[in-house]
Amino acid sequence: MYLPGPVYDVGSVDVDGQVLTPGAEYRVDAPGKLVRLGGCWPDCRDMAAVPGEPGTFTVTYRWGLPVDEAAVAAVSELICHLLKGCGGGSCGGPHS
């Protein structure tokens, strides 16, 4: 089964009200392919049922890509710069 978008991480996989164990019952292969280990994914789902009930299949995951510490530091520095300088039509840049 393919999950749309880049998969940052999977929160849970629930089949018929049973939460599957990551690494033992499923894994994610790049790019976003959810693989069932030791079994198959359900062929049918009850789309009218509440997630967690029999006949349901629910996957919760975060969409995105992991970033390294340098990227986090760069974005943090940019946000601080913008927050300090943005006011009254100027963003504090060298050409403001």
Protein backbone atom coordinates (compact mmCIF):
# COMPACT_ATOMS: atom_id res chain seq x y z
CA MET A 1 0.00 0.00 0.00
CA TYR A 2 1.29 3.46 -0.89
CA LEU A 3 0.91 6.47 1.40
CA PRO A 4 0.65 9.87 -0.33
CA GLY A 5 3.53 12.28 0.07
CA PRO A 6 6.86 11.73 1.74
CA VAL A 7 6.32 9.77 4.97
CA TYR A 8 8.17 11.31 7.93
CA ASP A 9 6.96 8.65 10.39
CA VAL A 10 3.99 6.38 11.09
CA GLY A 11 2.00 7.02 14.26
CA SER A 12 -0.13 3.88 14.12
CA VAL A 13 -1.59 1.23 11.88
CA ASP A 14 -4.94 -0.21 13.01
CA VAL A 15 -6.60 -3.19 11.33
CA ASP A 16 -10.01 -4.28 12.67
CA GLY A 17 -9.35 -2.49 15.96
CA GLN A 18 -5.94 -4.12 16.47
CA VAL A 19 -2.93 -1.77 16.52
CA LEU A 20 -0.04 -3.36 14.62
CA THR A 21 3.51 -3.38 15.98
CA PRO A 22 6.00 -1.37 13.90
CA GLY A 23 8.96 -3.40 12.67
CA ALA A 24 7.27 -6.69 13.57
CA GLU A 25 4.02 -6.38 11.60
CA TYR A 26 4.74 -3.56 9.14
CA ARG A 27 7.49 -1.27 7.85
CA VAL A 28 7.76 1.72 5.53
CA ASP A 29 9.90 1.42 2.44
CA ALA A 30 10.89 4.54 0.53
CA PRO A 31 9.07 6.32 -1.01
CA GLY A 32 6.04 5.84 1.24
CA LYS A 33 5.31 2.18 0.61
CA LEU A 34 3.67 0.61 3.67
CA VAL A 35 4.61 -3.08 3.73
CA ARG A 36 2.77 -5.71 5.82
CA LEU A 37 5.11 -8.27 7.34
CA GLY A 38 3.82 -11.83 7.63
CA GLY A 39 0.44 -11.10 6.07
CA CYS A 40 -1.61 -9.05 3.65
CA TRP A 41 -3.53 -5.81 3.95
CA PRO A 42 -7.34 -6.12 4.04
CA ASP A 43 -9.05 -6.27 0.64
CA CYS A 44 -12.23 -4.54 1.88
CA ARG A 45 -13.00 -1.81 4.39
CA ASP A 46 -16.23 -0.62 5.98
CA MET A 47 -15.96 3.09 5.10
CA ALA A 48 -19.05 3.90 7.21
CA ALA A 49 -17.57 2.40 10.40
CA VAL A 50 -15.71 4.41 13.03
CA PRO A 51 -11.93 3.81 12.92
CA GLY A 52 -10.95 1.06 15.34
CA GLU A 53 -14.09 -1.03 14.78
CA PRO A 54 -14.15 -4.38 12.96
CA GLY A 55 -13.88 -3.95 9.20
CA THR A 56 -11.74 -0.81 9.41
CA PHE A 57 -8.16 -0.09 8.39
CA THR A 58 -6.59 3.15 9.60
CA VAL A 59 -3.08 4.56 9.15
CA THR A 60 -1.96 7.74 10.88
CA TYR A 61 1.33 9.26 9.79
CA ARG A 62 3.18 12.55 9.51
CA TRP A 63 3.91 13.92 6.07
CA GLY A 64 7.31 15.50 5.44
CA LEU A 65 11.04 14.97 5.31
CA PRO A 66 13.48 14.81 8.20
CA VAL A 67 15.87 17.77 8.46
CA ASP A 68 19.28 17.92 10.08
CA GLU A 69 20.39 20.24 12.87
CA ALA A 70 21.96 22.72 10.43
CA ALA A 71 18.63 23.18 8.63
CA VAL A 72 16.76 23.70 11.91
CA ALA A 73 19.37 26.29 13.00
CA ALA A 74 19.14 28.13 9.66
CA VAL A 75 15.34 28.35 9.74
CA SER A 76 15.40 29.41 13.40
CA GLU A 77 17.88 32.20 12.60
CA LEU A 78 15.74 33.37 9.68
CA ILE A 79 12.58 33.47 11.80
CA CYS A 80 14.37 35.43 14.56
CA HIS A 81 15.63 37.92 11.97
CA LEU A 82 12.16 38.37 10.50
CA LEU A 83 10.50 38.76 13.90
CA LYS A 84 13.03 41.36 15.03
CA GLY A 85 12.92 43.41 11.85
CA CYS A 86 9.40 43.14 10.47
CA GLY A 87 7.33 46.11 11.51
CA GLY A 88 6.19 49.24 9.78
CA GLY A 89 6.88 47.85 6.31
CA SER A 90 10.56 47.02 6.89
CA CYS A 91 12.02 43.60 7.51
CA GLY A 92 15.44 44.75 8.67
CA GLY A 93 17.33 43.52 5.63
CA PRO A 94 20.42 45.27 4.24
CA HIS A 95 18.36 47.08 1.57
CA SER A 96 15.47 48.19 3.81
